[in-house]
Amino acid sequence: MVYLVGSIVFILVSVLVMKKVDVINPFSKGILLGIVLSLLANISLAENVANNLQPEENDGYSIRNGIARWILGDDGGILVDFKSAFITSTYFTLLFLVLFVVIVVIETRIIKNKR
């Protein structure tokens, strides 16, 4: 949850700063930041799922890295929860990719109409 809130705040602040300093296409660049942060979450959660596939070797289930801990919390958990978080994160990444394409098209049309 901390990762999600922190990522949203970071993206919003970044977009506002880019807009204030007149960066071209600030919204698509903000979505690009979202894609990067989402991919970081995917990699972290995939690593966590892979490390917990054989709990008997690892003395039970555990959260192995910082980003996964920010996403899942410190409560530990079970493999089903880890997989569910990974799948949800993958859906968010795909949503960001589709949103990126849509926003790039909209920003391009707006720029063409201003000329």
PDB file of N, CA and C in Angstrom:
ATOM      1  N   MET A   1       0.824  -1.192   0.000  1.00  0.00           N
ATOM      2  CA  MET A   1       0.000   0.000   0.000  1.00  0.00           C
ATOM      3  C   MET A   1       0.867   1.254   0.000  1.00  0.00           C
ATOM      4  N   VAL A   2       1.963   1.216   0.725  1.00  0.00           N
ATOM      5  CA  VAL A   2       2.879   2.364   0.781  1.00  0.00           C
ATOM      6  C   VAL A   2       3.434   2.636  -0.612  1.00  0.00           C
ATOM      7  N   TYR A   3       3.766   1.581  -1.341  1.00  0.00           N
ATOM      8  CA  TYR A   3       4.320   1.729  -2.690  1.00  0.00           C
ATOM      9  C   TYR A   3       3.306   2.374  -3.623  1.00  0.00           C
ATOM     10  N   LEU A   4       2.053   1.954  -3.546  1.00  0.00           N
ATOM     11  CA  LEU A   4       1.005   2.488  -4.404  1.00  0.00           C
ATOM     12  C   LEU A   4       0.782   3.972  -4.153  1.00  0.00           C
ATOM     13  N   VAL A   5       0.618   4.337  -2.899  1.00  0.00           N
ATOM     14  CA  VAL A   5       0.393   5.745  -2.542  1.00  0.00           C
ATOM     15  C   VAL A   5       1.615   6.585  -2.909  1.00  0.00           C
ATOM     16  N   GLY A   6       2.794   6.097  -2.591  1.00  0.00           N
ATOM     17  CA  GLY A   6       4.016   6.821  -2.924  1.00  0.00           C
ATOM     18  C   GLY A   6       4.185   7.001  -4.425  1.00  0.00           C
ATOM     19  N   SER A   7       3.852   5.974  -5.190  1.00  0.00           N
ATOM     20  CA  SER A   7       3.962   6.058  -6.649  1.00  0.00           C
ATOM     21  C   SER A   7       2.982   7.071  -7.225  1.00  0.00           C
ATOM     22  N   ILE A   8       1.757   7.055  -6.739  1.00  0.00           N
ATOM     23  CA  ILE A   8       0.747   8.000  -7.223  1.00  0.00           C
ATOM     24  C   ILE A   8       1.160   9.428  -6.908  1.00  0.00           C
ATOM     25  N   VAL A   9       1.607   9.674  -5.694  1.00  0.00           N
ATOM     26  CA  VAL A   9       2.056  11.019  -5.316  1.00  0.00           C
ATOM     27  C   VAL A   9       3.245  11.443  -6.168  1.00  0.00           C
ATOM     28  N   PHE A  10       4.203  10.545  -6.362  1.00  0.00           N
ATOM     29  CA  PHE A  10       5.382  10.854  -7.171  1.00  0.00           C
ATOM     30  C   PHE A  10       4.994  11.208  -8.610  1.00  0.00           C
ATOM     31  N   ILE A  11       4.080  10.440  -9.197  1.00  0.00           N
ATOM     32  CA  ILE A  11       3.648  10.694 -10.570  1.00  0.00           C
ATOM     33  C   ILE A  11       2.921  12.035 -10.665  1.00  0.00           C
ATOM     34  N   LEU A  12       2.002  12.291  -9.738  1.00  0.00           N
ATOM     35  CA  LEU A  12       1.255  13.556  -9.767  1.00  0.00           C
ATOM     36  C   LEU A  12       2.166  14.764  -9.608  1.00  0.00           C
ATOM     37  N   VAL A  13       3.084  14.695  -8.659  1.00  0.00           N
ATOM     38  CA  VAL A  13       4.024  15.796  -8.451  1.00  0.00           C
ATOM     39  C   VAL A  13       4.907  15.976  -9.680  1.00  0.00           C
ATOM     40  N   SER A  14       5.359  14.881 -10.260  1.00  0.00           N
ATOM     41  CA  SER A  14       6.207  14.955 -11.456  1.00  0.00           C
ATOM     42  C   SER A  14       5.472  15.603 -12.620  1.00  0.00           C
ATOM     43  N   VAL A  15       4.211  15.225 -12.826  1.00  0.00           N
ATOM     44  CA  VAL A  15       3.424  15.812 -13.915  1.00  0.00           C
ATOM     45  C   VAL A  15       3.227  17.304 -13.673  1.00  0.00           C
ATOM     46  N   LEU A  16       2.914  17.683 -12.438  1.00  0.00           N
ATOM     47  CA  LEU A  16       2.721  19.103 -12.129  1.00  0.00           C
ATOM     48  C   LEU A  16       4.001  19.900 -12.349  1.00  0.00           C
ATOM     49  N   VAL A  17       5.130  19.357 -11.938  1.00  0.00           N
ATOM     50  CA  VAL A  17       6.412  20.038 -12.136  1.00  0.00           C
ATOM     51  C   VAL A  17       6.725  20.144 -13.624  1.00  0.00           C
ATOM     52  N   MET A  18       6.514  19.054 -14.372  1.00  0.00           N
ATOM     53  CA  MET A  18       6.783  19.090 -15.815  1.00  0.00           C
ATOM     54  C   MET A  18       5.876  20.104 -16.513  1.00  0.00           C
ATOM     55  N   LYS A  19       4.627  20.182 -16.081  1.00  0.00           N
ATOM     56  CA  LYS A  19       3.699  21.143 -16.673  1.00  0.00           C
ATOM     57  C   LYS A  19       4.115  22.570 -16.347  1.00  0.00           C
ATOM     58  N   LYS A  20       4.586  22.782 -15.138  1.00  0.00           N
ATOM     59  CA  LYS A  20       4.994  24.124 -14.698  1.00  0.00           C
ATOM     60  C   LYS A  20       6.226  24.622 -15.464  1.00  0.00           C
ATOM     61  N   VAL A  21       7.151  23.729 -15.780  1.00  0.00           N
ATOM     62  CA  VAL A  21       8.363  24.137 -16.489  1.00  0.00           C
ATOM     63  C   VAL A  21       8.230  23.932 -18.005  1.00  0.00           C
ATOM     64  N   ASP A  22       7.001  23.765 -18.469  1.00  0.00           N
ATOM     65  CA  ASP A  22       6.679  23.683 -19.899  1.00  0.00           C
ATOM     66  C   ASP A  22       7.369  22.537 -20.631  1.00  0.00           C
ATOM     67  N   VAL A  23       7.391  21.381 -20.033  1.00  0.00           N
ATOM     68  CA  VAL A  23       7.892  20.184 -20.716  1.00  0.00           C
ATOM     69  C   VAL A  23       6.835  19.755 -21.731  1.00  0.00           C
ATOM     70  N   ILE A  24       7.274  19.356 -22.911  1.00  0.00           N
ATOM     71  CA  ILE A  24       6.346  18.906 -23.944  1.00  0.00           C
ATOM     72  C   ILE A  24       5.773  17.546 -23.541  1.00  0.00           C
ATOM     73  N   ASN A  25       4.478  17.372 -23.685  1.00  0.00           N
ATOM     74  CA  ASN A  25       3.754  16.127 -23.379  1.00  0.00           C
ATOM     75  C   ASN A  25       3.973  15.652 -21.935  1.00  0.00           C
ATOM     76  N   PRO A  26       3.624  16.465 -20.945  1.00  0.00           N
ATOM     77  CA  PRO A  26       3.885  16.053 -19.556  1.00  0.00           C
ATOM     78  C   PRO A  26       3.026  14.873 -19.091  1.00  0.00           C
ATOM     79  N   PHE A  27       1.813  14.751 -19.640  1.00  0.00           N
ATOM     80  CA  PHE A  27       0.939  13.670 -19.176  1.00  0.00           C
ATOM     81  C   PHE A  27       1.423  12.305 -19.666  1.00  0.00           C
ATOM     82  N   SER A  28       1.865  12.240 -20.910  1.00  0.00           N
ATOM     83  CA  SER A  28       2.378  10.957 -21.400  1.00  0.00           C
ATOM     84  C   SER A  28       3.675  10.585 -20.681  1.00  0.00           C
ATOM     85  N   LYS A  29       4.468  11.574 -20.339  1.00  0.00           N
ATOM     86  CA  LYS A  29       5.694  11.289 -19.589  1.00  0.00           C
ATOM     87  C   LYS A  29       5.374  10.866 -18.163  1.00  0.00           C
ATOM     88  N   GLY A  30       4.296  11.395 -17.603  1.00  0.00           N
ATOM     89  CA  GLY A  30       3.846  10.954 -16.283  1.00  0.00           C
ATOM     90  C   GLY A  30       3.378   9.515 -16.303  1.00  0.00           C
ATOM     91  N   ILE A  31       2.639   9.146 -17.355  1.00  0.00           N
ATOM     92  CA  ILE A  31       2.207   7.752 -17.501  1.00  0.00           C
ATOM     93  C   ILE A  31       3.415   6.845 -17.714  1.00  0.00           C
ATOM     94  N   LEU A  32       4.414   7.339 -18.429  1.00  0.00           N
ATOM     95  CA  LEU A  32       5.643   6.565 -18.620  1.00  0.00           C
ATOM     96  C   LEU A  32       6.317   6.296 -17.274  1.00  0.00           C
ATOM     97  N   LEU A  33       6.313   7.285 -16.386  1.00  0.00           N
ATOM     98  CA  LEU A  33       6.825   7.055 -15.021  1.00  0.00           C
ATOM     99  C   LEU A  33       6.010   5.971 -14.322  1.00  0.00           C
ATOM    100  N   GLY A  34       4.694   6.006 -14.530  1.00  0.00           N
ATOM    101  CA  GLY A  34       3.833   4.972 -13.946  1.00  0.00           C
ATOM    102  C   GLY A  34       4.168   3.593 -14.462  1.00  0.00           C
ATOM    103  N   ILE A  35       4.479   3.500 -15.759  1.00  0.00           N
ATOM    104  CA  ILE A  35       4.859   2.210 -16.348  1.00  0.00           C
ATOM    105  C   ILE A  35       6.151   1.705 -15.722  1.00  0.00           C
ATOM    106  N   VAL A  36       7.119   2.602 -15.562  1.00  0.00           N
ATOM    107  CA  VAL A  36       8.407   2.205 -14.972  1.00  0.00           C
ATOM    108  C   VAL A  36       8.206   1.729 -13.530  1.00  0.00           C
ATOM    109  N   LEU A  37       7.439   2.481 -12.749  1.00  0.00           N
ATOM    110  CA  LEU A  37       7.193   2.087 -11.353  1.00  0.00           C
ATOM    111  C   LEU A  37       6.409   0.774 -11.287  1.00  0.00           C
ATOM    112  N   SER A  38       5.478   0.595 -12.203  1.00  0.00           N
ATOM    113  CA  SER A  38       4.697  -0.638 -12.243  1.00  0.00           C
ATOM    114  C   SER A  38       5.568  -1.837 -12.626  1.00  0.00           C
ATOM    115  N   LEU A  39       6.484  -1.625 -13.569  1.00  0.00           N
ATOM    116  CA  LEU A  39       7.405  -2.712 -13.936  1.00  0.00           C
ATOM    117  C   LEU A  39       8.324  -3.076 -12.771  1.00  0.00           C
ATOM    118  N   LEU A  40       8.763  -2.070 -12.009  1.00  0.00           N
ATOM    119  CA  LEU A  40       9.558  -2.353 -10.801  1.00  0.00           C
ATOM    120  C   LEU A  40       8.763  -3.224  -9.827  1.00  0.00           C
ATOM    121  N   ALA A  41       7.488  -2.887  -9.654  1.00  0.00           N
ATOM    122  CA  ALA A  41       6.635  -3.681  -8.771  1.00  0.00           C
ATOM    123  C   ALA A  41       6.474  -5.096  -9.317  1.00  0.00           C
ATOM    124  N   ASN A  42       6.257  -5.230 -10.634  1.00  0.00           N
ATOM    125  CA  ASN A  42       6.109  -6.557 -11.238  1.00  0.00           C
ATOM    126  C   ASN A  42       7.338  -7.421 -11.008  1.00  0.00           C
ATOM    127  N   ILE A  43       8.508  -6.849 -11.250  1.00  0.00           N
ATOM    128  CA  ILE A  43       9.754  -7.599 -11.074  1.00  0.00           C
ATOM    129  C   ILE A  43       9.921  -8.024  -9.620  1.00  0.00           C
ATOM    130  N   SER A  44       9.650  -7.108  -8.720  1.00  0.00           N
ATOM    131  CA  SER A  44       9.789  -7.401  -7.296  1.00  0.00           C
ATOM    132  C   SER A  44       8.814  -8.488  -6.845  1.00  0.00           C
ATOM    133  N   LEU A  45       7.569  -8.377  -7.281  1.00  0.00           N
ATOM    134  CA  LEU A  45       6.566  -9.376  -6.889  1.00  0.00           C
ATOM    135  C   LEU A  45       6.828 -10.727  -7.551  1.00  0.00           C
ATOM    136  N   ALA A  46       7.306 -10.728  -8.799  1.00  0.00           N
ATOM    137  CA  ALA A  46       7.642 -11.991  -9.461  1.00  0.00           C
ATOM    138  C   ALA A  46       8.785 -12.694  -8.738  1.00  0.00           C
ATOM    139  N   GLU A  47       9.769 -11.906  -8.327  1.00  0.00           N
ATOM    140  CA  GLU A  47      10.882 -12.484  -7.566  1.00  0.00           C
ATOM    141  C   GLU A  47      10.373 -13.078  -6.255  1.00  0.00           C
ATOM    142  N   ASN A  48       9.459 -12.382  -5.612  1.00  0.00           N
ATOM    143  CA  ASN A  48       8.917 -12.865  -4.345  1.00  0.00           C
ATOM    144  C   ASN A  48       8.140 -14.169  -4.547  1.00  0.00           C
ATOM    145  N   VAL A  49       7.337 -14.232  -5.602  1.00  0.00           N
ATOM    146  CA  VAL A  49       6.590 -15.468  -5.885  1.00  0.00           C
ATOM    147  C   VAL A  49       7.562 -16.609  -6.185  1.00  0.00           C
ATOM    148  N   ALA A  50       8.563 -16.347  -7.018  1.00  0.00           N
ATOM    149  CA  ALA A  50       9.525 -17.392  -7.379  1.00  0.00           C
ATOM    150  C   ALA A  50      10.286 -17.896  -6.163  1.00  0.00           C
ATOM    151  N   ASN A  51      10.646 -17.005  -5.246  1.00  0.00           N
ATOM    152  CA  ASN A  51      11.384 -17.420  -4.051  1.00  0.00           C
ATOM    153  C   ASN A  51      10.531 -18.237  -3.093  1.00  0.00           C
ATOM    154  N   ASN A  52       9.209 -18.096  -3.197  1.00  0.00           N
ATOM    155  CA  ASN A  52       8.326 -18.791  -2.265  1.00  0.00           C
ATOM    156  C   ASN A  52       7.642 -20.013  -2.874  1.00  0.00           C
ATOM    157  N   LEU A  53       8.070 -20.453  -4.046  1.00  0.00           N
ATOM    158  CA  LEU A  53       7.446 -21.627  -4.670  1.00  0.00           C
ATOM    159  C   LEU A  53       7.746 -22.914  -3.902  1.00  0.00           C
ATOM    160  N   GLN A  54       8.867 -22.956  -3.208  1.00  0.00           N
ATOM    161  CA  GLN A  54       9.210 -24.124  -2.399  1.00  0.00           C
ATOM    162  C   GLN A  54       9.429 -23.678  -0.957  1.00  0.00           C
ATOM    163  N   PRO A  55       8.341 -23.525  -0.196  1.00  0.00           N
ATOM    164  CA  PRO A  55       8.458 -22.988   1.164  1.00  0.00           C
ATOM    165  C   PRO A  55       9.256 -23.878   2.114  1.00  0.00           C
ATOM    166  N   GLU A  56       9.312 -25.182   1.840  1.00  0.00           N
ATOM    167  CA  GLU A  56      10.058 -26.065   2.739  1.00  0.00           C
ATOM    168  C   GLU A  56      11.558 -25.775   2.681  1.00  0.00           C
ATOM    169  N   GLU A  57      12.050 -25.302   1.539  1.00  0.00           N
ATOM    170  CA  GLU A  57      13.473 -24.933   1.434  1.00  0.00           C
ATOM    171  C   GLU A  57      13.763 -23.607   2.124  1.00  0.00           C
ATOM    172  N   ASN A  58      12.756 -22.749   2.204  1.00  0.00           N
ATOM    173  CA  ASN A  58      12.953 -21.408   2.751  1.00  0.00           C
ATOM    174  C   ASN A  58      12.405 -21.249   4.161  1.00  0.00           C
ATOM    175  N   ASP A  59      12.035 -22.358   4.795  1.00  0.00           N
ATOM    176  CA  ASP A  59      11.471 -22.321   6.140  1.00  0.00           C
ATOM    177  C   ASP A  59      10.195 -21.483   6.177  1.00  0.00           C
ATOM    178  N   GLY A  60       9.290 -21.747   5.245  1.00  0.00           N
ATOM    179  CA  GLY A  60       8.009 -21.045   5.189  1.00  0.00           C
ATOM    180  C   GLY A  60       8.023 -19.916   4.169  1.00  0.00           C
ATOM    181  N   TYR A  61       6.919 -19.195   4.155  1.00  0.00           N
ATOM    182  CA  TYR A  61       6.776 -18.083   3.214  1.00  0.00           C
ATOM    183  C   TYR A  61       7.353 -16.814   3.815  1.00  0.00           C
ATOM    184  N   SER A  62       7.990 -16.018   2.966  1.00  0.00           N
ATOM    185  CA  SER A  62       8.548 -14.761   3.450  1.00  0.00           C
ATOM    186  C   SER A  62       8.587 -13.747   2.317  1.00  0.00           C
ATOM    187  N   ILE A  63       8.719 -12.490   2.690  1.00  0.00           N
ATOM    188  CA  ILE A  63       8.855 -11.413   1.720  1.00  0.00           C
ATOM    189  C   ILE A  63      10.328 -11.072   1.654  1.00  0.00           C
ATOM    190  N   ARG A  64      10.905 -11.173   0.463  1.00  0.00           N
ATOM    191  CA  ARG A  64      12.353 -11.138   0.324  1.00  0.00           C
ATOM    192  C   ARG A  64      12.964  -9.787   0.002  1.00  0.00           C
ATOM    193  N   ASN A  65      12.186  -8.831  -0.516  1.00  0.00           N
ATOM    194  CA  ASN A  65      12.807  -7.571  -0.908  1.00  0.00           C
ATOM    195  C   ASN A  65      11.967  -6.381  -0.464  1.00  0.00           C
ATOM    196  N   GLY A  66      12.582  -5.215  -0.498  1.00  0.00           N
ATOM    197  CA  GLY A  66      11.961  -4.008   0.035  1.00  0.00           C
ATOM    198  C   GLY A  66      10.716  -3.568  -0.692  1.00  0.00           C
ATOM    199  N   ILE A  67      10.752  -3.595  -2.019  1.00  0.00           N
ATOM    200  CA  ILE A  67       9.577  -3.139  -2.770  1.00  0.00           C
ATOM    201  C   ILE A  67       8.396  -4.070  -2.521  1.00  0.00           C
ATOM    202  N   ALA A  68       8.638  -5.371  -2.509  1.00  0.00           N
ATOM    203  CA  ALA A  68       7.554  -6.316  -2.215  1.00  0.00           C
ATOM    204  C   ALA A  68       7.011  -6.090  -0.807  1.00  0.00           C
ATOM    205  N   ARG A  69       7.869  -5.749   0.123  1.00  0.00           N
ATOM    206  CA  ARG A  69       7.432  -5.472   1.491  1.00  0.00           C
ATOM    207  C   ARG A  69       6.562  -4.211   1.527  1.00  0.00           C
ATOM    208  N   TRP A  70       6.929  -3.191   0.737  1.00  0.00           N
ATOM    209  CA  TRP A  70       6.110  -1.972   0.677  1.00  0.00           C
ATOM    210  C   TRP A  70       4.738  -2.272   0.082  1.00  0.00           C
ATOM    211  N   ILE A  71       4.678  -3.210  -0.867  1.00  0.00           N
ATOM    212  CA  ILE A  71       3.417  -3.545  -1.524  1.00  0.00           C
ATOM    213  C   ILE A  71       2.569  -4.466  -0.651  1.00  0.00           C
ATOM    214  N   LEU A  72       3.187  -5.497  -0.098  1.00  0.00           N
ATOM    215  CA  LEU A  72       2.444  -6.528   0.627  1.00  0.00           C
ATOM    216  C   LEU A  72       2.320  -6.271   2.122  1.00  0.00           C
ATOM    217  N   GLY A  73       3.178  -5.431   2.670  1.00  0.00           N
ATOM    218  CA  GLY A  73       3.186  -5.212   4.113  1.00  0.00           C
ATOM    219  C   GLY A  73       4.103  -6.194   4.807  1.00  0.00           C
ATOM    220  N   ASP A  74       4.203  -6.086   6.107  1.00  0.00           N
ATOM    221  CA  ASP A  74       5.103  -6.932   6.889  1.00  0.00           C
ATOM    222  C   ASP A  74       4.425  -8.159   7.484  1.00  0.00           C
ATOM    223  N   ASP A  75       3.179  -8.413   7.106  1.00  0.00           N
ATOM    224  CA  ASP A  75       2.414  -9.487   7.729  1.00  0.00           C
ATOM    225  C   ASP A  75       2.799 -10.877   7.272  1.00  0.00           C
ATOM    226  N   GLY A  76       3.740 -10.964   6.360  1.00  0.00           N
ATOM    227  CA  GLY A  76       4.063 -12.274   5.806  1.00  0.00           C
ATOM    228  C   GLY A  76       3.043 -12.592   4.739  1.00  0.00           C
ATOM    229  N   GLY A  77       2.399 -13.710   4.810  1.00  0.00           N
ATOM    230  CA  GLY A  77       1.366 -14.033   3.838  1.00  0.00           C
ATOM    231  C   GLY A  77       1.510 -15.439   3.324  1.00  0.00           C
ATOM    232  N   ILE A  78       0.684 -15.752   2.354  1.00  0.00           N
ATOM    233  CA  ILE A  78       0.709 -17.065   1.741  1.00  0.00           C
ATOM    234  C   ILE A  78       0.939 -16.886   0.240  1.00  0.00           C
ATOM    235  N   LEU A  79       1.294 -17.949  -0.417  1.00  0.00           N
ATOM    236  CA  LEU A  79       1.648 -17.901  -1.829  1.00  0.00           C
ATOM    237  C   LEU A  79       0.493 -17.378  -2.682  1.00  0.00           C
ATOM    238  N   VAL A  80      -0.731 -17.709  -2.325  1.00  0.00           N
ATOM    239  CA  VAL A  80      -1.891 -17.235  -3.084  1.00  0.00           C
ATOM    240  C   VAL A  80      -1.958 -15.709  -3.056  1.00  0.00           C
ATOM    241  N   ASP A  81      -1.691 -15.103  -1.904  1.00  0.00           N
ATOM    242  CA  ASP A  81      -1.680 -13.642  -1.795  1.00  0.00           C
ATOM    243  C   ASP A  81      -0.563 -13.034  -2.632  1.00  0.00           C
ATOM    244  N   PHE A  82       0.594 -13.671  -2.629  1.00  0.00           N
ATOM    245  CA  PHE A  82       1.724 -13.183  -3.417  1.00  0.00           C
ATOM    246  C   PHE A  82       1.395 -13.227  -4.908  1.00  0.00           C
ATOM    247  N   LYS A  83       0.811 -14.347  -5.354  1.00  0.00           N
ATOM    248  CA  LYS A  83       0.440 -14.478  -6.765  1.00  0.00           C
ATOM    249  C   LYS A  83      -0.641 -13.476  -7.147  1.00  0.00           C
ATOM    250  N   SER A  84      -1.603 -13.279  -6.262  1.00  0.00           N
ATOM    251  CA  SER A  84      -2.680 -12.323  -6.519  1.00  0.00           C
ATOM    252  C   SER A  84      -2.136 -10.903  -6.676  1.00  0.00           C
ATOM    253  N   ALA A  85      -1.206 -10.518  -5.810  1.00  0.00           N
ATOM    254  CA  ALA A  85      -0.597  -9.187  -5.905  1.00  0.00           C
ATOM    255  C   ALA A  85       0.178  -9.053  -7.205  1.00  0.00           C
ATOM    256  N   PHE A  86       0.883 -10.108  -7.623  1.00  0.00           N
ATOM    257  CA  PHE A  86       1.627 -10.077  -8.880  1.00  0.00           C
ATOM    258  C   PHE A  86       0.691  -9.928 -10.070  1.00  0.00           C
ATOM    259  N   ILE A  87      -0.395 -10.670 -10.090  1.00  0.00           N
ATOM    260  CA  ILE A  87      -1.360 -10.593 -11.194  1.00  0.00           C
ATOM    261  C   ILE A  87      -2.002  -9.211 -11.250  1.00  0.00           C
ATOM    262  N   THR A  88      -2.377  -8.670 -10.101  1.00  0.00           N
ATOM    263  CA  THR A  88      -2.956  -7.318 -10.055  1.00  0.00           C
ATOM    264  C   THR A  88      -1.961  -6.290 -10.573  1.00  0.00           C
ATOM    265  N   SER A  89      -0.718  -6.411 -10.174  1.00  0.00           N
ATOM    266  CA  SER A  89       0.324  -5.500 -10.635  1.00  0.00           C
ATOM    267  C   SER A  89       0.517  -5.605 -12.145  1.00  0.00           C
ATOM    268  N   THR A  90       0.426  -6.807 -12.685  1.00  0.00           N
ATOM    269  CA  THR A  90       0.541  -7.000 -14.133  1.00  0.00           C
ATOM    270  C   THR A  90      -0.607  -6.322 -14.859  1.00  0.00           C
ATOM    271  N   TYR A  91      -1.813  -6.437 -14.316  1.00  0.00           N
ATOM    272  CA  TYR A  91      -2.963  -5.750 -14.924  1.00  0.00           C
ATOM    273  C   TYR A  91      -2.782  -4.231 -14.905  1.00  0.00           C
ATOM    274  N   PHE A  92      -2.257  -3.703 -13.802  1.00  0.00           N
ATOM    275  CA  PHE A  92      -2.002  -2.262 -13.737  1.00  0.00           C
ATOM    276  C   PHE A  92      -0.978  -1.842 -14.788  1.00  0.00           C
ATOM    277  N   THR A  93       0.044  -2.649 -14.995  1.00  0.00           N
ATOM    278  CA  THR A  93       1.050  -2.333 -16.008  1.00  0.00           C
ATOM    279  C   THR A  93       0.421  -2.305 -17.395  1.00  0.00           C
ATOM    280  N   LEU A  94      -0.405  -3.291 -17.696  1.00  0.00           N
ATOM    281  CA  LEU A  94      -1.088  -3.317 -18.992  1.00  0.00           C
ATOM    282  C   LEU A  94      -2.026  -2.123 -19.146  1.00  0.00           C
ATOM    283  N   LEU A  95      -2.713  -1.758 -18.082  1.00  0.00           N
ATOM    284  CA  LEU A  95      -3.584  -0.580 -18.110  1.00  0.00           C
ATOM    285  C   LEU A  95      -2.774   0.686 -18.384  1.00  0.00           C
ATOM    286  N   PHE A  96      -1.626   0.824 -17.732  1.00  0.00           N
ATOM    287  CA  PHE A  96      -0.751   1.978 -17.979  1.00  0.00           C
ATOM    288  C   PHE A  96      -0.267   2.006 -19.424  1.00  0.00           C
ATOM    289  N   LEU A  97       0.033   0.849 -20.002  1.00  0.00           N
ATOM    290  CA  LEU A  97       0.483   0.804 -21.392  1.00  0.00           C
ATOM    291  C   LEU A  97      -0.616   1.275 -22.347  1.00  0.00           C
ATOM    292  N   VAL A  98      -1.839   0.814 -22.137  1.00  0.00           N
ATOM    293  CA  VAL A  98      -2.959   1.253 -22.970  1.00  0.00           C
ATOM    294  C   VAL A  98      -3.214   2.745 -22.762  1.00  0.00           C
ATOM    295  N   LEU A  99      -3.188   3.181 -21.513  1.00  0.00           N
ATOM    296  CA  LEU A  99      -3.389   4.593 -21.200  1.00  0.00           C
ATOM    297  C   LEU A  99      -2.307   5.462 -21.832  1.00  0.00           C
ATOM    298  N   PHE A 100      -1.089   4.956 -21.865  1.00  0.00           N
ATOM    299  CA  PHE A 100       0.015   5.691 -22.483  1.00  0.00           C
ATOM    300  C   PHE A 100      -0.260   5.942 -23.963  1.00  0.00           C
ATOM    301  N   VAL A 101      -0.694   4.915 -24.665  1.00  0.00           N
ATOM    302  CA  VAL A 101      -0.989   5.056 -26.092  1.00  0.00           C
ATOM    303  C   VAL A 101      -2.115   6.074 -26.297  1.00  0.00           C
ATOM    304  N   VAL A 102      -3.168   5.975 -25.513  1.00  0.00           N
ATOM    305  CA  VAL A 102      -4.299   6.897 -25.636  1.00  0.00           C
ATOM    306  C   VAL A 102      -3.855   8.334 -25.369  1.00  0.00           C
ATOM    307  N   ILE A 103      -3.095   8.553 -24.322  1.00  0.00           N
ATOM    308  CA  ILE A 103      -2.669   9.911 -23.972  1.00  0.00           C
ATOM    309  C   ILE A 103      -1.704  10.475 -25.005  1.00  0.00           C
ATOM    310  N   VAL A 104      -0.823   9.650 -25.549  1.00  0.00           N
ATOM    311  CA  VAL A 104       0.082  10.128 -26.606  1.00  0.00           C
ATOM    312  C   VAL A 104      -0.727  10.574 -27.818  1.00  0.00           C
ATOM    313  N   VAL A 105      -1.739   9.808 -28.195  1.00  0.00           N
ATOM    314  CA  VAL A 105      -2.587  10.186 -29.333  1.00  0.00           C
ATOM    315  C   VAL A 105      -3.311  11.501 -29.036  1.00  0.00           C
ATOM    316  N   ILE A 106      -3.871  11.637 -27.856  1.00  0.00           N
ATOM    317  CA  ILE A 106      -4.582  12.868 -27.493  1.00  0.00           C
ATOM    318  C   ILE A 106      -3.640  14.057 -27.476  1.00  0.00           C
ATOM    319  N   GLU A 107      -2.472  13.910 -26.854  1.00  0.00           N
ATOM    320  CA  GLU A 107      -1.520  15.021 -26.805  1.00  0.00           C
ATOM    321  C   GLU A 107      -1.029  15.404 -28.204  1.00  0.00           C
ATOM    322  N   THR A 108      -0.838  14.427 -29.064  1.00  0.00           N
ATOM    323  CA  THR A 108      -0.411  14.708 -30.429  1.00  0.00           C
ATOM    324  C   THR A 108      -1.484  15.477 -31.190  1.00  0.00           C
ATOM    325  N   ARG A 109      -2.713  15.084 -31.017  1.00  0.00           N
ATOM    326  CA  ARG A 109      -3.819  15.801 -31.686  1.00  0.00           C
ATOM    327  C   ARG A 109      -3.945  17.230 -31.167  1.00  0.00           C
ATOM    328  N   ILE A 110      -3.764  17.422 -29.871  1.00  0.00           N
ATOM    329  CA  ILE A 110      -3.843  18.764 -29.302  1.00  0.00           C
ATOM    330  C   ILE A 110      -2.731  19.642 -29.866  1.00  0.00           C
ATOM    331  N   ILE A 111      -1.534  19.105 -29.959  1.00  0.00           N
ATOM    332  CA  ILE A 111      -0.414  19.871 -30.508  1.00  0.00           C
ATOM    333  C   ILE A 111      -0.655  20.205 -31.981  1.00  0.00           C
ATOM    334  N   LYS A 112      -1.189  19.246 -32.761  1.00  0.00           N
ATOM    335  CA  LYS A 112      -1.470  19.502 -34.168  1.00  0.00           C
ATOM    336  C   LYS A 112      -2.549  20.573 -34.331  1.00  0.00           C
ATOM    337  N   ASN A 113      -3.547  20.576 -33.445  1.00  0.00           N
ATOM    338  CA  ASN A 113      -4.623  21.559 -33.534  1.00  0.00           C
ATOM    339  C   ASN A 113      -4.166  22.960 -33.153  1.00  0.00           C
ATOM    340  N   LYS A 114      -3.131  23.078 -32.343  1.00  0.00           N
ATOM    341  CA  LYS A 114      -2.601  24.393 -31.944  1.00  0.00           C
ATOM    342  C   LYS A 114      -1.819  25.042 -33.070  1.00  0.00           C
ATOM    343  N   ARG A 115      -1.320  24.249 -34.007  1.00  0.00           N
ATOM    344  CA  ARG A 115      -0.507  24.792 -35.112  1.00  0.00           C
ATOM    345  C   ARG A 115      -1.374  25.376 -36.140  1.00  0.00           C
TER     346      ARG A 115
END
